[in-house]
Amino acid sequence: MIIKNEVDGYIGYLDLKEITKDSYRNILYIFCDYLNANGITAPSRNDLLAFKSEMLKKLGSASVQKYIVVLRGFFRYLKLRNIYEDISYQVRGCKVETKFKRTPLSLEDSRNLLKKAKRKAVDQIGKRDYALLVLFLTTGLRSIEAARADVEDIDLIANEPVLYIQGKGRDSKAEYVKLPVETYEAINEYLLIVDESQVRKENNKTPLFLTKLRDGVQGRLSTKSIRYVIKEMMIGIGYNSRAYSVHTIRHTFATLSLTQGATLLQTKEALRHKNISTTQIYSHMVEEMKSNTNKLVSDALFRTKKKDK
């Protein structure tokens, strides 16, 4: 049996969003290419383990974990249809280090980031980038939520400006985030110099964050471009590491929220987490940041020694 011939049938079977299906299809094609490159026509559990090891040489543990999840679902589908055995049975996933993905900026670094972005906010792109940063730092938005935002999503509720968003895994813009005064002003300053006649609309909606002008037209800024913009900002203040990305700003919002006095429940609601246990990870991080355990031990070891001399 040629595994690749079954991929489209499996993808069609899934009740998922098209973007998720495309991601799954890509992973399965990568596995099929690996089989072809190694002359494997009837893959076994050992072949799957070898593929996992090969991927770990090229990708991070979180990415390989996703590969394993997709392959498990695929082979369970094949077994359900009596097409092929489930070679993924008891193939372990990868341990994903959560702390690496949750590296926040300090309050001082966040202020430095804002100051540097503000100094560059002299033209449309500079003002766009500054508005993006302020929005992320004050609301904890995800990059996909910012990319999906339209100008028409900005509204007033009880005389307070809000931005309606299409959250992660959502099909509509039913949720909203409050826009602090500084955030609302930064967005308005950016929008004031946008020429709407040059904007490519989508379903009669105007994308909030736009690309540079190309051939007289500006379109929606992609999540990839947003990640690049924020990454370049962080490199500008000395954070050129895999541990720092656009998601760092969301983690920064979470930790600043807790350190500035917000409750765990308030922070959960602001981050729009389904489960409070996800928010508690940030609570543990804040406790670690406040902890002086290492200093207490160091003082016991060395300061006593100095007194004895």
Foldseek 3Di string as FASTA:
>chain_A
DQLLVCLVVLLVVDPDDPVVSVVLNVLVVVLSVVCVVVVHRADALVSVVVVLVVVVVPDPLVVSLVSLVSLQSSQVVCVVVVNHHRRSVPVDGGDDDPVLQQAADDPVVLVVLLVVLVVQCPDLVSLLLSLLSLCCQQQLDDLVFLLPFFPVQWDADPNFTKGFTQDVPRDDRPDITTAPPVSVVSLVVNVVRDDVVQEDDDPPTGRSRWDPQDPSHIYGDDSVNSFVSVQVSSVVVPPNDPSDTSSNSSSNNLLCCVVVPHDLVVSCVSNVPPDSVVSVVSVVVNVVVPDPVVVVVVCVPPVVVVVVD
